[in-house]
Amino acid sequence: MDWMKIISALFLTAMIIFLWPRAKQMIKESPKGSSEDWKGAIIPLAAVVGFVILLVMMV
């Protein structure tokens, strides 16, 4: 391993250590989604997945 990979790994580990407490707080205090919110998210995702499948089948 060269020194650049070691520094990158150390930096990535430090980022995870410093951001973990804030991420836990954000997850704990975030609003919960209702069933209407989930429906509003799933329908466009299903449309995109269906479109990608259609494109793959056309090739």
Protein backbone atom coordinates (compact mmCIF):
# COMPACT_ATOMS: atom_id res chain seq x y z
CA MET A 1 0.00 0.00 0.00
CA ASP A 2 1.32 3.39 -0.84
CA TRP A 3 1.05 6.42 1.44
CA MET A 4 -1.88 7.95 -0.49
CA LYS A 5 -4.09 4.93 0.17
CA ILE A 6 -3.18 4.94 3.86
CA ILE A 7 -4.00 8.65 4.21
CA SER A 8 -7.29 8.15 2.34
CA ALA A 9 -8.26 5.27 4.65
CA LEU A 10 -7.40 7.33 7.74
CA PHE A 11 -9.41 10.28 6.45
CA LEU A 12 -12.42 8.07 5.67
CA THR A 13 -12.28 6.52 9.14
CA ALA A 14 -12.05 9.96 10.78
CA MET A 15 -15.06 11.17 8.76
CA ILE A 16 -17.14 8.20 9.89
CA ILE A 17 -16.13 8.70 13.54
CA PHE A 18 -16.97 12.43 13.50
CA LEU A 19 -20.24 12.12 11.56
CA TRP A 20 -21.71 9.08 13.36
CA PRO A 21 -23.16 10.92 16.42
CA ARG A 22 -24.82 13.56 14.23
CA ALA A 23 -26.29 10.89 11.95
CA LYS A 24 -27.76 9.03 14.94
CA GLN A 25 -29.35 12.26 16.19
CA MET A 26 -30.79 13.05 12.75
CA ILE A 27 -32.34 9.59 12.47
CA LYS A 28 -33.82 9.80 15.97
CA GLU A 29 -35.37 13.25 15.44
CA SER A 30 -36.55 12.88 11.84
CA PRO A 31 -40.29 12.84 11.08
CA LYS A 32 -41.81 9.45 10.36
CA GLY A 33 -43.44 8.86 6.99
CA SER A 34 -47.14 8.11 6.67
CA SER A 35 -48.58 5.54 4.28
CA GLU A 36 -49.44 8.34 1.83
CA ASP A 37 -45.80 9.47 1.84
CA TRP A 38 -44.64 5.94 1.07
CA LYS A 39 -47.16 5.59 -1.76
CA GLY A 40 -45.95 8.87 -3.21
CA ALA A 41 -42.38 7.57 -3.22
CA ILE A 42 -43.04 4.01 -4.41
CA ILE A 43 -45.14 4.89 -7.46
CA PRO A 44 -42.43 6.97 -9.23
CA LEU A 45 -39.76 4.42 -8.29
CA ALA A 46 -41.85 1.61 -9.77
CA ALA A 47 -42.35 3.67 -12.93
CA VAL A 48 -38.59 4.17 -13.32
CA VAL A 49 -37.88 0.47 -12.71
CA GLY A 50 -40.54 -0.47 -15.27
CA PHE A 51 -39.06 1.94 -17.81
CA VAL A 52 -35.56 0.55 -17.31
CA ILE A 53 -36.85 -3.02 -17.72
CA LEU A 54 -38.60 -1.96 -20.93
CA LEU A 55 -35.40 -0.42 -22.26
CA VAL A 56 -33.37 -3.54 -21.40
CA MET A 57 -35.91 -5.79 -23.12
CA MET A 58 -35.84 -3.62 -26.27
CA VAL A 59 -32.07 -4.12 -26.62
